[in-house]
Protein backbone atom coordinates (compact mmCIF):
# COMPACT_ATOMS: atom_id res chain seq x y z
CA MET A 1 74.33 81.65 60.67
CA PHE A 2 75.37 78.61 62.71
CA SER A 3 75.86 75.36 60.86
CA GLN A 4 74.15 72.32 62.27
CA THR A 5 77.50 71.13 63.62
CA SER A 6 78.18 74.44 65.36
CA LEU A 7 74.69 74.50 66.84
CA PHE A 8 75.17 70.94 68.09
CA PHE A 9 78.48 71.88 69.78
CA CYS A 10 76.80 74.88 71.43
CA GLN A 11 74.06 72.65 72.84
CA VAL A 12 76.60 70.17 74.21
CA ILE A 13 78.70 72.95 75.76
CA THR A 14 75.62 74.44 77.43
CA THR A 15 74.94 71.08 79.04
CA LEU A 16 78.54 70.56 80.19
CA LEU A 17 78.67 74.00 81.82
CA THR A 18 76.04 72.82 84.31
CA ILE A 19 78.58 70.37 85.77
CA GLU A 20 80.21 71.71 88.93
CA GLY A 21 83.93 72.12 88.35
CA VAL A 22 83.71 72.79 84.60
CA VAL A 23 85.12 76.28 84.11
CA GLY A 24 84.55 76.52 80.37
CA CYS A 25 84.57 74.73 77.02
CA SER A 26 85.73 75.47 73.49
CA LYS A 27 85.83 73.72 70.14
CA LYS A 28 89.34 73.04 68.81
CA LEU A 29 90.12 71.04 65.67
CA GLY A 30 86.92 69.05 65.87
CA ARG A 31 87.45 68.21 69.55
CA LEU A 32 85.94 69.72 72.65
CA GLU A 33 88.47 71.25 75.05
CA VAL A 34 87.08 71.22 78.58
CA SER A 35 88.74 73.44 81.18
CA ILE A 36 88.22 72.13 84.70
CA ASP A 37 88.85 73.56 88.15
CA ASP A 38 91.87 71.78 89.63
CA THR A 39 90.68 72.63 93.16
CA LYS A 40 87.75 70.22 92.67
CA ASP A 41 87.60 66.43 92.38
CA ARG A 42 89.08 65.93 88.91
CA LYS A 43 88.08 62.28 88.61
CA THR A 44 84.42 63.01 89.32
CA ILE A 45 84.32 65.94 86.88
CA VAL A 46 85.92 63.95 84.06
CA GLU A 47 83.56 61.02 84.61
CA LYS A 48 80.51 63.29 84.45
CA VAL A 49 81.74 64.94 81.24
CA LYS A 50 82.43 61.58 79.59
CA LEU A 51 79.01 60.34 80.67
CA HIS A 52 77.34 63.30 78.93
CA LEU A 53 79.40 62.67 75.79
CA LYS A 54 78.95 58.91 75.81
CA ASN A 55 76.30 58.88 73.10
CA GLU A 56 77.71 61.83 71.16
CA SER A 57 80.29 61.69 68.39
CA ILE A 58 82.53 64.16 70.21
CA LYS A 59 85.90 63.54 71.78
CA ALA A 60 87.05 65.69 74.66
CA THR A 61 90.42 66.79 75.94
CA PHE A 62 90.85 68.19 79.45
CA VAL A 63 92.83 71.17 80.72
CA ASP A 64 93.43 71.63 84.44
CA GLY A 65 93.72 75.00 86.16
CA ASN A 66 91.97 77.44 88.43
CA PHE A 67 90.14 80.67 87.73
CA THR A 68 90.90 83.90 89.57
CA TYR A 69 88.72 87.00 89.24
CA PHE A 70 90.59 90.28 89.05
CA LEU A 71 89.85 92.69 91.85
CA CYS A 72 88.69 95.95 90.29
CA PRO A 73 86.93 99.22 91.06
CA GLY A 74 83.22 98.67 91.56
CA ASP A 75 83.59 95.32 93.32
CA GLN A 76 81.56 94.86 96.47
CA VAL A 77 83.28 95.28 99.81
CA GLN A 78 81.68 92.49 101.78
CA GLY A 79 80.93 93.23 105.41
CA LYS A 80 81.02 90.51 108.01
CA LYS A 81 78.56 92.63 109.98
CA GLY A 82 76.27 93.12 107.00
CA LYS A 83 77.48 96.61 106.07
CA ILE A 84 78.49 96.48 102.42
CA GLY A 85 80.22 99.10 100.30
CA THR A 86 82.22 99.51 97.11
CA LEU A 87 85.88 99.07 96.32
CA GLY A 88 86.50 102.55 94.90
CA GLY A 89 89.84 101.84 93.27
CA PHE A 90 93.54 101.55 93.88
CA ALA A 91 96.34 104.02 94.49
CA LYS A 92 100.04 103.96 95.31
CA ARG A 93 101.25 105.10 98.73
CA PHE A 94 104.73 106.49 99.27
CA ALA A 95 105.80 107.06 102.85
CA THR A 96 107.19 110.51 103.62
CA LYS A 97 110.68 110.98 105.04
CA THR A 98 109.31 111.43 108.54
CA ASN A 99 107.49 108.12 108.30
CA MET A 100 110.60 106.36 106.99
CA GLU A 101 112.61 107.64 109.89
CA LEU A 102 109.99 106.34 112.30
CA ASN A 103 110.18 102.94 110.64
CA ASN A 104 113.95 102.90 110.87
CA ARG A 105 113.82 103.72 114.56
CA ALA A 106 111.16 101.07 115.09
CA GLU A 107 113.42 98.45 113.55
CA THR A 108 116.20 99.33 116.01
CA GLY A 109 113.79 99.31 118.93
CA SER A 110 113.89 103.06 119.56
CA ALA A 111 110.31 103.70 118.50
CA ASN A 112 106.94 102.01 119.00
CA GLN A 113 105.79 99.41 116.47
CA LEU A 114 103.91 101.06 113.59
CA SER A 115 100.40 99.97 112.66
CA PRO A 116 99.85 97.73 109.57
CA VAL A 117 98.74 100.68 107.48
CA GLU A 118 102.21 102.25 107.67
CA SER A 119 105.30 101.03 105.80
CA THR A 120 108.51 102.33 104.31
CA GLY A 121 108.69 104.20 101.01
CA TYR A 122 110.18 107.26 99.37
CA PRO A 123 109.13 110.90 99.21
CA VAL A 124 107.81 112.26 95.94
CA GLU A 125 107.82 115.73 94.46
CA SER A 126 104.71 117.20 92.91
CA THR A 127 104.61 118.58 89.37
CA ASN A 128 101.72 119.73 87.21
CA SER A 129 101.13 118.14 83.84
CA THR A 130 99.04 119.38 80.94
CA VAL A 131 96.02 117.29 79.95
CA GLU A 132 93.23 117.73 77.45
CA LEU A 133 89.87 118.39 79.03
CA ASN A 134 86.74 119.04 76.97
CA ASN A 135 88.90 119.67 73.87
CA ARG A 136 90.89 122.42 75.61
CA GLU A 137 94.39 122.33 77.03
CA GLU A 138 94.07 122.58 80.81
CA THR A 139 96.57 121.95 83.59
CA GLY A 140 93.81 120.18 85.42
CA SER A 141 95.21 116.82 86.43
CA ALA A 142 97.10 116.49 89.66
CA SER A 143 100.20 114.58 88.55
CA GLN A 144 103.29 113.78 90.60
CA SER A 145 106.67 112.34 89.71
CA VAL A 146 107.77 109.16 91.44
CA PRO A 147 111.40 108.10 92.06
CA GLU A 148 112.27 105.17 89.82
CA GLU A 149 113.74 103.21 92.71
CA SER A 150 110.41 103.23 94.56
CA ALA A 151 107.42 101.13 93.51
CA GLY A 152 105.25 102.33 96.38
CA ASN A 153 102.68 100.28 98.26
CA LEU A 154 99.41 99.42 96.53
CA VAL A 155 96.39 100.46 98.58
CA ALA A 156 92.66 100.00 98.14
CA LEU A 157 90.48 103.08 98.56
CA ILE A 158 87.20 102.45 100.36
CA SER A 159 84.65 104.35 102.41
CA ARG A 160 85.68 105.11 105.98
CA HIS A 161 82.18 104.54 107.36
CA VAL A 162 82.00 101.11 105.72
CA ALA A 163 85.42 100.20 107.15
CA HIS A 164 84.47 101.44 110.61
CA ALA A 165 81.16 99.55 110.58
CA ASN A 166 83.01 96.30 109.88
CA MET A 167 85.68 96.59 112.57
CA GLU A 168 86.08 93.44 114.63
CA MET A 169 88.27 93.51 117.73
CA GLY A 170 89.92 96.68 116.48
CA ILE A 171 90.74 95.37 112.98
CA MET A 172 88.97 95.81 109.65
CA HIS A 173 89.58 92.95 107.23
CA LEU A 174 88.95 94.00 103.63
CA LEU A 175 86.83 91.22 102.12
CA VAL A 176 86.31 91.31 98.33
CA ASN A 177 85.19 88.39 96.13
CA ASN A 178 85.14 86.20 99.24
CA LYS A 179 88.83 86.87 99.77
CA ILE A 180 90.54 88.97 102.44
CA ILE A 181 92.89 91.21 100.44
CA GLY A 182 94.19 93.46 103.21
CA HIS A 183 93.47 94.77 106.70
CA THR A 184 93.98 97.80 108.89
CA ASP A 185 93.77 98.75 112.55
CA ASN A 186 94.35 102.42 111.75
CA ILE A 187 91.09 104.17 110.85
CA HIS A 188 91.56 107.92 111.07
CA PRO A 189 89.21 109.90 113.37
CA GLN A 190 87.82 112.40 110.81
CA THR A 191 84.33 111.05 110.23
CA LEU A 192 83.43 113.23 107.24
CA LEU A 193 86.73 112.56 105.50
CA ASP A 194 84.98 109.44 104.32
CA ILE A 195 87.87 107.67 102.62
CA ILE A 196 90.50 105.30 103.92
CA PRO A 197 93.49 103.51 102.33
CA ILE A 198 94.16 99.84 103.09
CA ASP A 199 97.39 98.12 102.07
CA ILE A 200 96.91 95.20 99.69
CA TYR A 201 98.64 91.97 100.70
CA GLU A 202 101.76 91.58 98.57
CA ASN A 203 100.80 88.16 97.21
CA LEU A 204 97.51 89.58 95.87
CA ILE A 205 98.84 92.69 94.12
CA GLY A 206 98.95 90.87 90.79
CA ASP A 207 95.22 90.18 91.07
CA CYS A 208 94.35 93.89 91.18
CA ASN A 209 93.17 95.79 88.12
CA THR A 210 94.26 99.36 88.86
CA ARG A 211 92.22 100.92 86.04
CA PHE A 212 88.85 102.60 86.43
CA LYS A 213 85.85 102.08 84.15
CA THR A 214 84.42 104.49 81.64
CA GLU A 215 80.66 104.84 81.33
CA GLN A 216 80.88 102.34 78.46
CA ASN A 217 82.55 99.75 80.74
CA LYS A 218 85.99 100.20 79.20
CA PHE A 219 88.96 100.03 81.57
CA MET A 220 91.27 103.07 81.54
CA HIS A 221 93.75 104.61 83.94
CA ALA A 222 92.29 107.82 85.31
CA LYS A 223 93.81 111.24 85.83
CA LEU A 224 93.31 113.03 89.13
CA ILE A 225 91.68 116.42 88.65
CA ASP A 226 92.62 119.12 91.14
CA LYS A 227 90.55 121.64 93.08
CA GLU A 228 91.59 124.58 90.90
CA HIS A 229 90.30 122.98 87.70
CA ILE A 230 87.20 121.12 88.88
CA SER A 231 85.12 124.10 87.64
CA THR A 232 85.74 122.97 84.05
CA LEU A 233 83.53 119.96 84.79
CA MET A 234 80.53 121.89 86.11
CA GLY A 235 77.36 120.51 84.50
CA THR A 236 79.25 117.52 83.13
CA LYS A 237 77.75 114.06 82.98
CA VAL A 238 79.49 111.83 85.53
CA HIS A 239 79.29 108.16 86.41
CA ILE A 240 80.14 105.59 89.04
CA TRP A 241 80.58 101.84 89.00
CA GLY A 242 79.32 100.72 92.37
CA ALA A 243 78.53 97.43 94.05
CA VAL A 244 74.87 98.15 93.21
CA SER A 245 74.88 100.72 90.38
CA SER A 246 76.51 99.44 87.21
CA PRO A 247 76.81 102.15 86.14
CA GLY A 248 75.16 105.02 87.96
CA LEU A 249 74.75 108.16 85.84
CA GLY A 250 74.38 111.71 87.11
CA THR A 251 75.20 115.38 86.55
CA LEU A 252 77.76 117.43 88.47
CA VAL A 253 75.81 120.38 89.94
CA ASP A 254 78.04 121.80 92.69
CA ILE A 255 81.82 121.84 92.92
CA ASP A 256 82.33 123.98 96.00
CA PHE A 257 80.36 122.36 98.81
CA LYS A 258 82.44 122.52 101.97
CA MET A 259 82.09 119.98 104.75
CA THR A 260 84.25 119.36 107.80
CA GLY A 261 85.82 116.44 105.93
CA GLY A 262 86.95 118.70 103.11
CA LEU A 263 85.69 120.03 99.81
CA CYS A 264 82.85 118.00 98.32
CA ILE A 265 80.97 117.91 95.07
CA LYS A 266 77.26 117.39 94.52
CA VAL A 267 75.74 115.15 91.88
CA CYS A 268 72.07 114.98 90.93
CA ASP A 269 70.13 112.28 89.12
CA CYS A 270 69.91 112.33 85.35
CA THR A 271 66.54 113.18 83.82
CA ASN A 272 65.73 109.54 83.05
CA GLY A 273 64.48 109.11 86.61
CA LYS A 274 66.98 106.42 87.58
CA PRO A 275 68.86 107.19 90.81
CA PHE A 276 72.56 107.97 90.53
CA SER A 277 73.36 105.55 93.34
CA TYR A 278 71.89 103.18 95.89
CA PRO A 279 72.88 102.00 99.38
CA GLY A 280 75.96 99.82 98.94
CA ASP A 281 77.60 102.20 96.46
CA SER A 282 79.46 104.11 99.19
CA GLY A 283 83.13 104.34 98.25
CA ALA A 284 82.58 104.34 94.48
CA ILE A 285 84.69 106.85 92.56
CA VAL A 286 82.83 109.55 90.62
CA CYS A 287 84.43 109.78 87.16
CA ALA A 288 83.99 111.74 83.94
CA SER A 289 85.39 111.44 80.44
CA ASP A 290 86.42 114.26 78.13
CA SER A 291 84.27 114.90 75.06
CA ARG A 292 86.51 112.78 72.83
CA GLY A 293 86.65 109.86 75.25
CA ARG A 294 90.45 109.98 75.31
CA ASN A 295 90.86 110.78 78.99
CA LEU A 296 89.11 109.56 82.10
CA TYR A 297 89.11 111.72 85.22
CA ALA A 298 88.76 110.46 88.79
CA ILE A 299 86.98 113.24 90.64
CA ALA A 300 85.66 112.21 94.04
CA MET A 301 84.62 109.35 96.33
CA LEU A 302 80.88 108.91 96.91
CA ILE A 303 79.98 109.24 100.60
CA GLY A 304 76.19 109.49 100.73
CA LYS A 305 72.90 111.13 99.76
CA TYR A 306 71.29 114.33 101.03
CA GLU A 307 67.52 114.61 100.69
CA GLY A 308 64.50 116.24 102.26
CA ILE A 309 60.76 116.74 101.86
CA LYS A 310 61.08 119.87 99.72
CA ILE A 311 64.34 119.17 97.90
CA LEU A 312 65.49 116.76 95.24
CA PRO A 313 68.06 114.20 96.37
CA THR A 314 71.69 115.08 95.79
CA TYR A 315 74.69 112.85 96.25
CA MET A 316 77.81 113.99 98.11
CA ALA A 317 81.34 112.94 97.20
CA VAL A 318 84.64 114.07 98.71
CA LEU A 319 87.10 115.52 96.19
CA LEU A 320 89.94 113.03 95.73
CA SER A 321 92.75 115.55 95.25
CA GLU A 322 91.88 117.25 98.54
CA ALA A 323 91.28 113.94 100.31
CA PHE A 324 94.76 112.77 99.28
CA GLN A 325 96.25 115.90 100.86
CA LYS A 326 94.43 115.26 104.13
CA LEU A 327 95.37 111.58 104.08
CA LYS A 328 98.99 112.66 103.60
CA GLU A 329 98.86 114.41 106.95
CA LEU A 330 97.07 111.56 108.70
CA TYR A 331 99.13 108.66 107.32
CA LYS A 332 102.43 110.47 106.66
CA SER A 333 102.33 109.29 103.05
CA GLU A 334 101.85 110.63 99.53
CA PHE A 335 98.98 109.06 97.58
CA LEU A 336 98.95 108.81 93.78
CA LEU A 337 96.58 107.16 91.34
CA CYS A 338 98.14 104.27 89.45
CA GLU A 339 99.35 105.24 85.98
CA ASP A 340 100.63 101.97 84.56
CA ASP A 341 99.84 98.27 84.55
CA GLY A 342 102.37 97.34 87.20
CA ALA A 343 99.71 96.04 89.54
CA THR A 344 97.57 94.42 86.87
CA SER A 345 98.18 90.91 85.64
């Protein structure tokens, strides 16, 4: 139970948090430490805090700084034209040899200038790795080795139709948490391949949390499951963290639904009657955990809902492993999920 002193401090802190520019408060050695936003008027904030504490037997110390929210999967992609979506997650992009050669020629003036979505990198070779899935050893994750000398470019993965809807004068600016974190003028033409990579501005890479969320809201790096082993997840409970659904829960009911954009999966609502997703969740990554909760698998990107008068609604998502292969052809780059904390502060 709280002591009277602790309860008193809590009441004072609650009052101080209503002051604009006060980021947070904590009790330290009998004093109140007040963290304030150094982008605001410090003098005004301090005066207001002291005024609140004038008749209280509490002394305050002040700490100046600014608060930055990490950018993470599930954040809302804000549309200047009103079309919102979800930041699905992050991946690393490594330009293929052909793309590097084009860049080299561009630098010497012998080739046309490349679009912002393209940049130099190094080729990678693909290898399979063994992962545990549902308590069985399966070679089900699509893992690739990366040359040590190459860090790759960090890209955000979002819905193509959301990006296209928010194009302005031929450019899509990726707006998340009221901050433009990247842009592209290169949206591929395959409408039903509803996923697009956008390079993150270099100065904002450290603000990006490259992990995905488990159903229990725990951050973990995810493994990419390939087309050959998706069958092991049939009937599995899956989830998304979307801009609207937090989380959305469903069941994987079809793993071989072919569309012109590639192989898709189908997800249906759970029996509790709550929809798996809502408008605004487009771009969210469909994930599943193994039965022990040790591994998280990134399966597909949510693209939309299919429904009719005589059928129950199902949700379509494009398989990530296949989407990455198609994006490789379109953007002349290898795409890998992030496997370490290099992009996370």
